[in-house]
């Protein structure tokens, strides 16, 4: 899995993506995932979740399993495109 922090003056968010999905475009019906390398490919080293992170985007089976194991997402929020699970979690507070 790859972990990548994205920061701008208004927010900070994290992407977590399975390695084998980098660079792929996945489309089904009216859902489209563009797993761009420059957006999702970061470090394979786990990034600690801090209060400054306002949301996390998970893409792929391993990433979703990581999110569930660490209680970062709920099963009901997982969607799929061609059997590839993905989820975005937004933290309020």
PDB file of N, CA and C in Angstrom:
ATOM      1  N   UNK A   1       0.834  -1.184   0.000  1.00  0.00           N
ATOM      2  CA  UNK A   1       0.000   0.000   0.000  1.00  0.00           C
ATOM      3  C   UNK A   1       0.876   1.243   0.000  1.00  0.00           C
ATOM      4  N   UNK A   2       0.320   2.289  -0.579  1.00  0.00           N
ATOM      5  CA  UNK A   2       0.974   3.589  -0.556  1.00  0.00           C
ATOM      6  C   UNK A   2       0.158   4.554   0.299  1.00  0.00           C
ATOM      7  N   UNK A   3       0.866   5.366   1.063  1.00  0.00           N
ATOM      8  CA  UNK A   3       0.279   6.411   1.899  1.00  0.00           C
ATOM      9  C   UNK A   3       0.821   7.743   1.377  1.00  0.00           C
ATOM     10  N   UNK A   4      -0.072   8.716   1.163  1.00  0.00           N
ATOM     11  CA  UNK A   4       0.394  10.023   0.705  1.00  0.00           C
ATOM     12  C   UNK A   4      -0.429  11.130   1.348  1.00  0.00           C
ATOM     13  N   UNK A   5       0.269  12.085   1.924  1.00  0.00           N
ATOM     14  CA  UNK A   5      -0.345  13.268   2.541  1.00  0.00           C
ATOM     15  C   UNK A   5      -0.461  14.366   1.489  1.00  0.00           C
ATOM     16  N   UNK A   6      -1.615  15.023   1.478  1.00  0.00           N
ATOM     17  CA  UNK A   6      -1.850  16.169   0.600  1.00  0.00           C
ATOM     18  C   UNK A   6      -2.221  17.342   1.503  1.00  0.00           C
ATOM     19  N   UNK A   7      -1.490  18.452   1.355  1.00  0.00           N
ATOM     20  CA  UNK A   7      -1.745  19.622   2.207  1.00  0.00           C
ATOM     21  C   UNK A   7      -1.948  20.857   1.347  1.00  0.00           C
ATOM     22  N   UNK A   8      -2.865  21.695   1.802  1.00  0.00           N
ATOM     23  CA  UNK A   8      -2.992  23.046   1.274  1.00  0.00           C
ATOM     24  C   UNK A   8      -3.361  23.925   2.469  1.00  0.00           C
ATOM     25  N   UNK A   9      -3.440  25.227   2.302  1.00  0.00           N
ATOM     26  CA  UNK A   9      -3.715  26.080   3.469  1.00  0.00           C
ATOM     27  C   UNK A   9      -5.034  25.773   4.192  1.00  0.00           C
ATOM     28  N   UNK A  10      -6.027  25.226   3.491  1.00  0.00           N
ATOM     29  CA  UNK A  10      -7.327  24.978   4.110  1.00  0.00           C
ATOM     30  C   UNK A  10      -7.453  23.597   4.754  1.00  0.00           C
ATOM     31  N   UNK A  11      -6.769  22.604   4.207  1.00  0.00           N
ATOM     32  CA  UNK A  11      -6.974  21.249   4.725  1.00  0.00           C
ATOM     33  C   UNK A  11      -5.768  20.347   4.478  1.00  0.00           C
ATOM     34  N   UNK A  12      -5.825  19.202   5.128  1.00  0.00           N
ATOM     35  CA  UNK A  12      -4.798  18.175   4.988  1.00  0.00           C
ATOM     36  C   UNK A  12      -5.540  16.842   4.887  1.00  0.00           C
ATOM     37  N   UNK A  13      -5.258  16.079   3.838  1.00  0.00           N
ATOM     38  CA  UNK A  13      -5.905  14.780   3.736  1.00  0.00           C
ATOM     39  C   UNK A  13      -4.899  13.722   3.313  1.00  0.00           C
ATOM     40  N   UNK A  14      -5.301  12.476   3.479  1.00  0.00           N
ATOM     41  CA  UNK A  14      -4.433  11.328   3.252  1.00  0.00           C
ATOM     42  C   UNK A  14      -5.067  10.418   2.211  1.00  0.00           C
ATOM     43  N   UNK A  15      -4.244   9.879   1.312  1.00  0.00           N
ATOM     44  CA  UNK A  15      -4.708   8.831   0.417  1.00  0.00           C
ATOM     45  C   UNK A  15      -3.975   7.547   0.791  1.00  0.00           C
ATOM     46  N   UNK A  16      -4.712   6.440   0.758  1.00  0.00           N
ATOM     47  CA  UNK A  16      -4.145   5.117   1.004  1.00  0.00           C
ATOM     48  C   UNK A  16      -4.618   4.239  -0.152  1.00  0.00           C
ATOM     49  N   UNK A  17      -3.668   3.686  -0.894  1.00  0.00           N
ATOM     50  CA  UNK A  17      -4.016   2.977  -2.122  1.00  0.00           C
ATOM     51  C   UNK A  17      -3.192   1.704  -2.280  1.00  0.00           C
ATOM     52  N   UNK A  18      -3.838   0.649  -2.772  1.00  0.00           N
ATOM     53  CA  UNK A  18      -3.124  -0.586  -3.075  1.00  0.00           C
ATOM     54  C   UNK A  18      -2.126  -0.336  -4.210  1.00  0.00           C
ATOM     55  N   UNK A  19      -0.923  -0.907  -4.080  1.00  0.00           N
ATOM     56  CA  UNK A  19       0.139  -0.701  -5.067  1.00  0.00           C
ATOM     57  C   UNK A  19      -0.260  -1.110  -6.478  1.00  0.00           C
ATOM     58  N   UNK A  20      -0.983  -2.219  -6.608  1.00  0.00           N
ATOM     59  CA  UNK A  20      -1.298  -2.754  -7.932  1.00  0.00           C
ATOM     60  C   UNK A  20      -2.337  -1.933  -8.696  1.00  0.00           C
ATOM     61  N   UNK A  21      -2.916  -0.937  -8.063  1.00  0.00           N
ATOM     62  CA  UNK A  21      -3.924  -0.106  -8.725  1.00  0.00           C
ATOM     63  C   UNK A  21      -3.368   1.210  -9.265  1.00  0.00           C
ATOM     64  N   UNK A  22      -2.132   1.527  -8.892  1.00  0.00           N
ATOM     65  CA  UNK A  22      -1.525   2.794  -9.322  1.00  0.00           C
ATOM     66  C   UNK A  22      -1.491   2.871 -10.852  1.00  0.00           C
ATOM     67  N   UNK A  23      -1.967   3.997 -11.375  1.00  0.00           N
ATOM     68  CA  UNK A  23      -1.949   4.244 -12.806  1.00  0.00           C
ATOM     69  C   UNK A  23      -3.157   3.707 -13.558  1.00  0.00           C
ATOM     70  N   UNK A  24      -4.070   3.056 -12.870  1.00  0.00           N
ATOM     71  CA  UNK A  24      -5.224   2.469 -13.549  1.00  0.00           C
ATOM     72  C   UNK A  24      -6.419   3.423 -13.566  1.00  0.00           C
ATOM     73  N   UNK A  25      -7.239   3.253 -14.586  1.00  0.00           N
ATOM     74  CA  UNK A  25      -8.516   3.944 -14.677  1.00  0.00           C
ATOM     75  C   UNK A  25      -9.588   2.868 -14.683  1.00  0.00           C
ATOM     76  N   UNK A  26     -10.511   2.952 -13.759  1.00  0.00           N
ATOM     77  CA  UNK A  26     -11.526   1.928 -13.570  1.00  0.00           C
ATOM     78  C   UNK A  26     -12.889   2.589 -13.708  1.00  0.00           C
ATOM     79  N   UNK A  27     -13.710   2.029 -14.592  1.00  0.00           N
ATOM     80  CA  UNK A  27     -15.013   2.637 -14.858  1.00  0.00           C
ATOM     81  C   UNK A  27     -16.094   1.563 -14.911  1.00  0.00           C
ATOM     82  N   UNK A  28     -17.220   1.879 -14.297  1.00  0.00           N
ATOM     83  CA  UNK A  28     -18.374   0.990 -14.336  1.00  0.00           C
ATOM     84  C   UNK A  28     -19.630   1.849 -14.167  1.00  0.00           C
ATOM     85  N   UNK A  29     -20.553   1.700 -15.118  1.00  0.00           N
ATOM     86  CA  UNK A  29     -21.764   2.523 -15.132  1.00  0.00           C
ATOM     87  C   UNK A  29     -21.373   3.988 -15.064  1.00  0.00           C
ATOM     88  N   UNK A  30     -21.817   4.737 -14.084  1.00  0.00           N
ATOM     89  CA  UNK A  30     -21.442   6.152 -14.000  1.00  0.00           C
ATOM     90  C   UNK A  30     -20.455   6.414 -12.867  1.00  0.00           C
ATOM     91  N   UNK A  31     -19.717   5.384 -12.448  1.00  0.00           N
ATOM     92  CA  UNK A  31     -18.640   5.556 -11.462  1.00  0.00           C
ATOM     93  C   UNK A  31     -17.294   5.427 -12.166  1.00  0.00           C
ATOM     94  N   UNK A  32     -16.356   6.298 -11.797  1.00  0.00           N
ATOM     95  CA  UNK A  32     -15.047   6.327 -12.447  1.00  0.00           C
ATOM     96  C   UNK A  32     -13.968   6.579 -11.406  1.00  0.00           C
ATOM     97  N   UNK A  33     -12.969   5.713 -11.357  1.00  0.00           N
ATOM     98  CA  UNK A  33     -11.802   5.907 -10.488  1.00  0.00           C
ATOM     99  C   UNK A  33     -10.583   6.116 -11.368  1.00  0.00           C
ATOM    100  N   UNK A  34      -9.898   7.212 -11.191  1.00  0.00           N
ATOM    101  CA  UNK A  34      -8.655   7.487 -11.912  1.00  0.00           C
ATOM    102  C   UNK A  34      -7.544   7.478 -10.867  1.00  0.00           C
ATOM    103  N   UNK A  35      -6.814   6.387 -10.787  1.00  0.00           N
ATOM    104  CA  UNK A  35      -5.810   6.196  -9.739  1.00  0.00           C
ATOM    105  C   UNK A  35      -4.463   6.727 -10.251  1.00  0.00           C
ATOM    106  N   UNK A  36      -4.390   8.045 -10.338  1.00  0.00           N
ATOM    107  CA  UNK A  36      -3.199   8.708 -10.882  1.00  0.00           C
ATOM    108  C   UNK A  36      -1.997   8.516  -9.966  1.00  0.00           C
ATOM    109  N   UNK A  37      -0.882   8.191 -10.587  1.00  0.00           N
ATOM    110  CA  UNK A  37       0.344   7.940  -9.838  1.00  0.00           C
ATOM    111  C   UNK A  37       0.760   9.148  -9.006  1.00  0.00           C
ATOM    112  N   UNK A  38       0.690  10.346  -9.584  1.00  0.00           N
ATOM    113  CA  UNK A  38       1.150  11.532  -8.853  1.00  0.00           C
ATOM    114  C   UNK A  38       0.254  11.885  -7.668  1.00  0.00           C
ATOM    115  N   UNK A  39      -0.966  11.390  -7.665  1.00  0.00           N
ATOM    116  CA  UNK A  39      -1.890  11.677  -6.564  1.00  0.00           C
ATOM    117  C   UNK A  39      -1.853  10.595  -5.484  1.00  0.00           C
ATOM    118  N   UNK A  40      -1.725   9.337  -5.880  1.00  0.00           N
ATOM    119  CA  UNK A  40      -1.830   8.225  -4.935  1.00  0.00           C
ATOM    120  C   UNK A  40      -0.505   7.580  -4.540  1.00  0.00           C
ATOM    121  N   UNK A  41       0.514   7.657  -5.378  1.00  0.00           N
ATOM    122  CA  UNK A  41       1.763   6.962  -5.062  1.00  0.00           C
ATOM    123  C   UNK A  41       2.616   7.800  -4.126  1.00  0.00           C
ATOM    124  N   UNK A  42       2.707   7.324  -2.901  1.00  0.00           N
ATOM    125  CA  UNK A  42       3.505   8.016  -1.892  1.00  0.00           C
ATOM    126  C   UNK A  42       4.502   7.056  -1.302  1.00  0.00           C
ATOM    127  N   UNK A  43       4.526   6.989   0.000  1.00  0.00           N
ATOM    128  CA  UNK A  43       5.450   6.126   0.718  1.00  0.00           C
ATOM    129  C   UNK A  43       4.759   4.816   1.093  1.00  0.00           C
ATOM    130  N   UNK A  44       5.522   3.743   1.102  1.00  0.00           N
ATOM    131  CA  UNK A  44       4.970   2.466   1.566  1.00  0.00           C
ATOM    132  C   UNK A  44       5.021   2.391   3.092  1.00  0.00           C
ATOM    133  N   UNK A  45       5.613   3.409   3.708  1.00  0.00           N
ATOM    134  CA  UNK A  45       5.679   3.474   5.167  1.00  0.00           C
ATOM    135  C   UNK A  45       4.376   4.073   5.706  1.00  0.00           C
ATOM    136  N   UNK A  46       3.794   3.396   6.684  1.00  0.00           N
ATOM    137  CA  UNK A  46       2.533   3.848   7.272  1.00  0.00           C
ATOM    138  C   UNK A  46       2.655   5.262   7.842  1.00  0.00           C
ATOM    139  N   UNK A  47       1.640   6.072   7.587  1.00  0.00           N
ATOM    140  CA  UNK A  47       1.601   7.440   8.099  1.00  0.00           C
ATOM    141  C   UNK A  47       0.645   7.482   9.283  1.00  0.00           C
ATOM    142  N   UNK A  48       1.100   8.075  10.367  1.00  0.00           N
ATOM    143  CA  UNK A  48       0.278   8.182  11.569  1.00  0.00           C
ATOM    144  C   UNK A  48      -0.880   9.149  11.313  1.00  0.00           C
ATOM    145  N   UNK A  49      -2.067   8.735  11.718  1.00  0.00           N
ATOM    146  CA  UNK A  49      -3.257   9.574  11.558  1.00  0.00           C
ATOM    147  C   UNK A  49      -3.286  10.592  12.705  1.00  0.00           C
ATOM    148  N   UNK A  50      -3.225  11.867  12.363  1.00  0.00           N
ATOM    149  CA  UNK A  50      -3.235  12.937  13.362  1.00  0.00           C
ATOM    150  C   UNK A  50      -4.500  13.771  13.219  1.00  0.00           C
ATOM    151  N   UNK A  51      -4.699  14.682  14.150  1.00  0.00           N
ATOM    152  CA  UNK A  51      -5.877  15.550  14.134  1.00  0.00           C
ATOM    153  C   UNK A  51      -5.896  16.503  12.949  1.00  0.00           C
ATOM    154  N   UNK A  52      -4.739  16.783  12.350  1.00  0.00           N
ATOM    155  CA  UNK A  52      -4.711  17.715  11.222  1.00  0.00           C
ATOM    156  C   UNK A  52      -5.291  17.091   9.937  1.00  0.00           C
ATOM    157  N   UNK A  53      -5.421  15.780   9.883  1.00  0.00           N
ATOM    158  CA  UNK A  53      -5.970  15.110   8.707  1.00  0.00           C
ATOM    159  C   UNK A  53      -7.496  15.221   8.734  1.00  0.00           C
ATOM    160  N   UNK A  54      -8.042  15.865   7.706  1.00  0.00           N
ATOM    161  CA  UNK A  54      -9.490  16.100   7.669  1.00  0.00           C
ATOM    162  C   UNK A  54     -10.253  15.003   6.931  1.00  0.00           C
ATOM    163  N   UNK A  55      -9.560  14.236   6.088  1.00  0.00           N
ATOM    164  CA  UNK A  55     -10.215  13.134   5.397  1.00  0.00           C
ATOM    165  C   UNK A  55      -9.183  12.124   4.893  1.00  0.00           C
ATOM    166  N   UNK A  56      -9.675  10.925   4.602  1.00  0.00           N
ATOM    167  CA  UNK A  56      -8.835   9.860   4.061  1.00  0.00           C
ATOM    168  C   UNK A  56      -9.575   9.222   2.899  1.00  0.00           C
ATOM    169  N   UNK A  57      -8.858   9.007   1.800  1.00  0.00           N
ATOM    170  CA  UNK A  57      -9.400   8.292   0.653  1.00  0.00           C
ATOM    171  C   UNK A  57      -8.709   6.927   0.604  1.00  0.00           C
ATOM    172  N   UNK A  58      -9.500   5.860   0.616  1.00  0.00           N
ATOM    173  CA  UNK A  58      -8.996   4.495   0.539  1.00  0.00           C
ATOM    174  C   UNK A  58      -9.350   3.930  -0.830  1.00  0.00           C
ATOM    175  N   UNK A  59      -8.379   3.280  -1.505  1.00  0.00           N
ATOM    176  CA  UNK A  59      -8.651   2.643  -2.791  1.00  0.00           C
ATOM    177  C   UNK A  59      -7.984   1.268  -2.804  1.00  0.00           C
ATOM    178  N   UNK A  60      -8.798   0.215  -2.953  1.00  0.00           N
ATOM    179  CA  UNK A  60      -8.275  -1.141  -3.052  1.00  0.00           C
ATOM    180  C   UNK A  60      -8.580  -1.995  -1.834  1.00  0.00           C
ATOM    181  N   UNK A  61      -8.537  -3.308  -2.032  1.00  0.00           N
ATOM    182  CA  UNK A  61      -8.888  -4.261  -0.982  1.00  0.00           C
ATOM    183  C   UNK A  61      -7.998  -4.149   0.251  1.00  0.00           C
ATOM    184  N   UNK A  62      -6.677  -4.080   0.053  1.00  0.00           N
ATOM    185  CA  UNK A  62      -5.760  -4.004   1.194  1.00  0.00           C
ATOM    186  C   UNK A  62      -5.953  -2.699   1.964  1.00  0.00           C
ATOM    187  N   UNK A  63      -6.170  -1.617   1.232  1.00  0.00           N
ATOM    188  CA  UNK A  63      -6.371  -0.310   1.865  1.00  0.00           C
ATOM    189  C   UNK A  63      -7.652  -0.293   2.686  1.00  0.00           C
ATOM    190  N   UNK A  64      -8.712  -0.856   2.128  1.00  0.00           N
ATOM    191  CA  UNK A  64      -9.987  -0.940   2.852  1.00  0.00           C
ATOM    192  C   UNK A  64      -9.826  -1.814   4.098  1.00  0.00           C
ATOM    193  N   UNK A  65      -9.144  -2.952   3.963  1.00  0.00           N
ATOM    194  CA  UNK A  65      -8.901  -3.822   5.118  1.00  0.00           C
ATOM    195  C   UNK A  65      -8.129  -3.081   6.206  1.00  0.00           C
ATOM    196  N   UNK A  66      -7.140  -2.283   5.802  1.00  0.00           N
ATOM    197  CA  UNK A  66      -6.367  -1.467   6.741  1.00  0.00           C
ATOM    198  C   UNK A  66      -7.288  -0.492   7.472  1.00  0.00           C
ATOM    199  N   UNK A  67      -8.164   0.180   6.734  1.00  0.00           N
ATOM    200  CA  UNK A  67      -9.095   1.134   7.329  1.00  0.00           C
ATOM    201  C   UNK A  67     -10.059   0.482   8.301  1.00  0.00           C
ATOM    202  N   UNK A  68     -10.562  -0.694   7.942  1.00  0.00           N
ATOM    203  CA  UNK A  68     -11.478  -1.422   8.829  1.00  0.00           C
ATOM    204  C   UNK A  68     -10.757  -1.903  10.085  1.00  0.00           C
ATOM    205  N   UNK A  69      -9.567  -2.467   9.905  1.00  0.00           N
ATOM    206  CA  UNK A  69      -8.781  -2.980  11.027  1.00  0.00           C
ATOM    207  C   UNK A  69      -8.457  -1.883  12.039  1.00  0.00           C
ATOM    208  N   UNK A  70      -8.189  -0.687  11.524  1.00  0.00           N
ATOM    209  CA  UNK A  70      -7.815   0.441  12.383  1.00  0.00           C
ATOM    210  C   UNK A  70      -8.998   1.335  12.757  1.00  0.00           C
ATOM    211  N   UNK A  71     -10.208   0.861  12.460  1.00  0.00           N
ATOM    212  CA  UNK A  71     -11.439   1.567  12.814  1.00  0.00           C
ATOM    213  C   UNK A  71     -11.478   2.998  12.258  1.00  0.00           C
ATOM    214  N   UNK A  72     -11.009   3.139  11.012  1.00  0.00           N
ATOM    215  CA  UNK A  72     -11.002   4.436  10.347  1.00  0.00           C
ATOM    216  C   UNK A  72     -12.192   4.610   9.411  1.00  0.00           C
ATOM    217  N   UNK A  73     -12.894   3.506   9.127  1.00  0.00           N
ATOM    218  CA  UNK A  73     -14.059   3.589   8.252  1.00  0.00           C
ATOM    219  C   UNK A  73     -15.086   2.553   8.662  1.00  0.00           C
ATOM    220  N   UNK A  74     -16.279   2.731   8.144  1.00  0.00           N
ATOM    221  CA  UNK A  74     -17.397   1.837   8.420  1.00  0.00           C
ATOM    222  C   UNK A  74     -17.725   1.066   7.145  1.00  0.00           C
ATOM    223  N   UNK A  75     -18.045  -0.206   7.276  1.00  0.00           N
ATOM    224  CA  UNK A  75     -18.352  -1.051   6.112  1.00  0.00           C
ATOM    225  C   UNK A  75     -19.452  -0.459   5.231  1.00  0.00           C
ATOM    226  N   UNK A  76     -20.393   0.235   5.834  1.00  0.00           N
ATOM    227  CA  UNK A  76     -21.526   0.765   5.070  1.00  0.00           C
ATOM    228  C   UNK A  76     -21.129   1.892   4.112  1.00  0.00           C
ATOM    229  N   UNK A  77     -19.945   2.464   4.284  1.00  0.00           N
ATOM    230  CA  UNK A  77     -19.524   3.566   3.421  1.00  0.00           C
ATOM    231  C   UNK A  77     -18.667   3.113   2.234  1.00  0.00           C
ATOM    232  N   UNK A  78     -18.402   1.813   2.126  1.00  0.00           N
ATOM    233  CA  UNK A  78     -17.565   1.281   1.053  1.00  0.00           C
ATOM    234  C   UNK A  78     -18.385   1.129  -0.228  1.00  0.00           C
ATOM    235  N   UNK A  79     -17.837   1.629  -1.321  1.00  0.00           N
ATOM    236  CA  UNK A  79     -18.440   1.474  -2.647  1.00  0.00           C
ATOM    237  C   UNK A  79     -17.478   0.640  -3.499  1.00  0.00           C
ATOM    238  N   UNK A  80     -17.949   0.148  -4.632  1.00  0.00           N
ATOM    239  CA  UNK A  80     -17.074  -0.616  -5.527  1.00  0.00           C
ATOM    240  C   UNK A  80     -17.262  -0.183  -6.972  1.00  0.00           C
ATOM    241  N   UNK A  81     -16.179  -0.278  -7.728  1.00  0.00           N
ATOM    242  CA  UNK A  81     -16.182  -0.090  -9.170  1.00  0.00           C
ATOM    243  C   UNK A  81     -15.451  -1.301  -9.733  1.00  0.00           C
ATOM    244  N   UNK A  82     -16.138  -2.108 -10.524  1.00  0.00           N
ATOM    245  CA  UNK A  82     -15.569  -3.357 -11.063  1.00  0.00           C
ATOM    246  C   UNK A  82     -14.890  -4.181  -9.980  1.00  0.00           C
ATOM    247  N   UNK A  83     -15.573  -4.336  -8.876  1.00  0.00           N
ATOM    248  CA  UNK A  83     -15.127  -5.121  -7.721  1.00  0.00           C
ATOM    249  C   UNK A  83     -13.928  -4.514  -6.984  1.00  0.00           C
ATOM    250  N   UNK A  84     -13.537  -3.289  -7.321  1.00  0.00           N
ATOM    251  CA  UNK A  84     -12.469  -2.577  -6.601  1.00  0.00           C
ATOM    252  C   UNK A  84     -13.149  -1.707  -5.546  1.00  0.00           C
ATOM    253  N   UNK A  85     -12.900  -1.996  -4.248  1.00  0.00           N
ATOM    254  CA  UNK A  85     -13.526  -1.176  -3.211  1.00  0.00           C
ATOM    255  C   UNK A  85     -12.805   0.162  -3.021  1.00  0.00           C
ATOM    256  N   UNK A  86     -13.590   1.180  -2.680  1.00  0.00           N
ATOM    257  CA  UNK A  86     -13.025   2.490  -2.368  1.00  0.00           C
ATOM    258  C   UNK A  86     -13.927   3.187  -1.364  1.00  0.00           C
ATOM    259  N   UNK A  87     -13.377   4.169  -0.689  1.00  0.00           N
ATOM    260  CA  UNK A  87     -14.136   4.879   0.325  1.00  0.00           C
ATOM    261  C   UNK A  87     -13.446   6.197   0.647  1.00  0.00           C
ATOM    262  N   UNK A  88     -14.228   7.226   0.909  1.00  0.00           N
ATOM    263  CA  UNK A  88     -13.683   8.476   1.429  1.00  0.00           C
ATOM    264  C   UNK A  88     -14.325   8.729   2.791  1.00  0.00           C
ATOM    265  N   UNK A  89     -13.483   9.005   3.760  1.00  0.00           N
ATOM    266  CA  UNK A  89     -13.943   9.287   5.122  1.00  0.00           C
ATOM    267  C   UNK A  89     -13.588  10.734   5.427  1.00  0.00           C
ATOM    268  N   UNK A  90     -14.578  11.481   5.864  1.00  0.00           N
ATOM    269  CA  UNK A  90     -14.371  12.887   6.245  1.00  0.00           C
ATOM    270  C   UNK A  90     -14.555  13.006   7.749  1.00  0.00           C
ATOM    271  N   UNK A  91     -13.573  13.621   8.399  1.00  0.00           N
ATOM    272  CA  UNK A  91     -13.620  13.797   9.852  1.00  0.00           C
ATOM    273  C   UNK A  91     -14.121  15.195  10.158  1.00  0.00           C
ATOM    274  N   UNK A  92     -15.103  15.290  11.038  1.00  0.00           N
ATOM    275  CA  UNK A  92     -15.633  16.586  11.454  1.00  0.00           C
ATOM    276  C   UNK A  92     -15.175  16.860  12.885  1.00  0.00           C
ATOM    277  N   UNK A  93     -14.881  18.093  13.155  1.00  0.00           N
ATOM    278  CA  UNK A  93     -14.510  18.413  14.522  1.00  0.00           C
ATOM    279  C   UNK A  93     -13.312  19.167  14.618  1.00  0.00           C
TER     280      UNK A  93
END
